[in-house]
Protein backbone atom coordinates (compact mmCIF):
# COMPACT_ATOMS: atom_id res chain seq x y z
CA MET A 1 6.35 -3.48 -5.67
CA ASP A 2 7.27 -0.25 -7.40
CA LEU A 3 6.65 -1.03 -11.08
CA SER A 4 8.64 2.01 -12.19
CA ARG A 5 11.78 0.18 -11.03
CA VAL A 6 11.32 -3.02 -13.02
CA THR A 7 12.80 -3.52 -16.48
CA TRP A 8 10.11 -3.83 -19.15
CA ARG A 9 10.86 -5.65 -22.40
CA LYS A 10 8.87 -5.69 -25.63
CA SER A 11 8.74 -8.85 -27.71
CA THR A 12 11.19 -9.07 -30.58
CA ARG A 13 8.24 -10.37 -32.60
CA SER A 14 6.32 -7.12 -32.21
CA GLY A 15 5.39 -5.57 -35.50
CA SER A 16 5.31 -1.94 -36.51
CA SER A 17 1.55 -1.72 -35.82
CA GLY A 18 2.19 -1.12 -32.11
CA ASN A 19 -0.14 -3.90 -30.99
CA CYS A 20 2.07 -5.62 -28.48
CA ILE A 21 2.73 -6.24 -24.83
CA GLU A 22 5.64 -5.64 -22.53
CA VAL A 23 6.85 -8.08 -19.90
CA ALA A 24 8.83 -7.56 -16.70
CA THR A 25 10.24 -10.50 -14.76
CA PRO A 26 11.45 -9.56 -11.31
CA PRO A 27 11.88 -12.56 -8.99
CA GLN A 28 8.73 -14.52 -8.13
CA VAL A 29 6.36 -12.78 -10.58
CA VAL A 30 5.82 -11.97 -14.26
CA PHE A 31 4.18 -8.63 -15.04
CA VAL A 32 2.46 -7.93 -18.37
CA ARG A 33 1.16 -4.61 -19.71
CA ASP A 34 -0.03 -3.04 -22.95
CA SER A 35 2.88 -1.19 -24.56
CA LYS A 36 0.53 1.57 -25.78
CA ASP A 37 -0.86 2.20 -22.27
CA ARG A 38 2.11 2.04 -19.94
CA SER A 39 0.22 3.70 -17.10
CA GLY A 40 -2.73 1.33 -17.51
CA PRO A 41 -3.45 -1.95 -15.77
CA VAL A 42 -0.74 -4.55 -15.20
CA LEU A 43 -1.39 -8.28 -15.01
CA ALA A 44 0.69 -10.40 -12.61
CA PHE A 45 1.35 -14.11 -13.09
CA GLU A 46 3.20 -16.73 -11.12
CA PRO A 47 6.20 -17.85 -13.22
CA ALA A 48 4.84 -21.42 -13.57
CA ALA A 49 1.49 -20.13 -14.88
CA TRP A 50 3.30 -17.86 -17.35
CA ARG A 51 5.37 -20.80 -18.66
CA VAL A 52 2.18 -22.81 -19.24
CA PHE A 53 0.57 -19.87 -21.05
CA ILE A 54 3.60 -19.37 -23.32
CA ALA A 55 3.85 -23.10 -24.07
CA ARG A 56 0.20 -23.17 -25.14
CA VAL A 57 0.51 -20.04 -27.27
CA LEU A 58 3.51 -21.46 -29.10
CA ARG A 59 1.77 -24.70 -30.04
């Protein structure tokens, strides 16, 4: 998949320090990257695994 064509979003909870991530959610996958290193590595998660991760973080 061409990652330059996906829409990246930064969390609305990101502070002014710049320490945040960006997420892209094309069908069937969730991509995550460091907003300060947009050409760096990208993690890919199955949507179900991402939902579990988010649920645990928000506890």
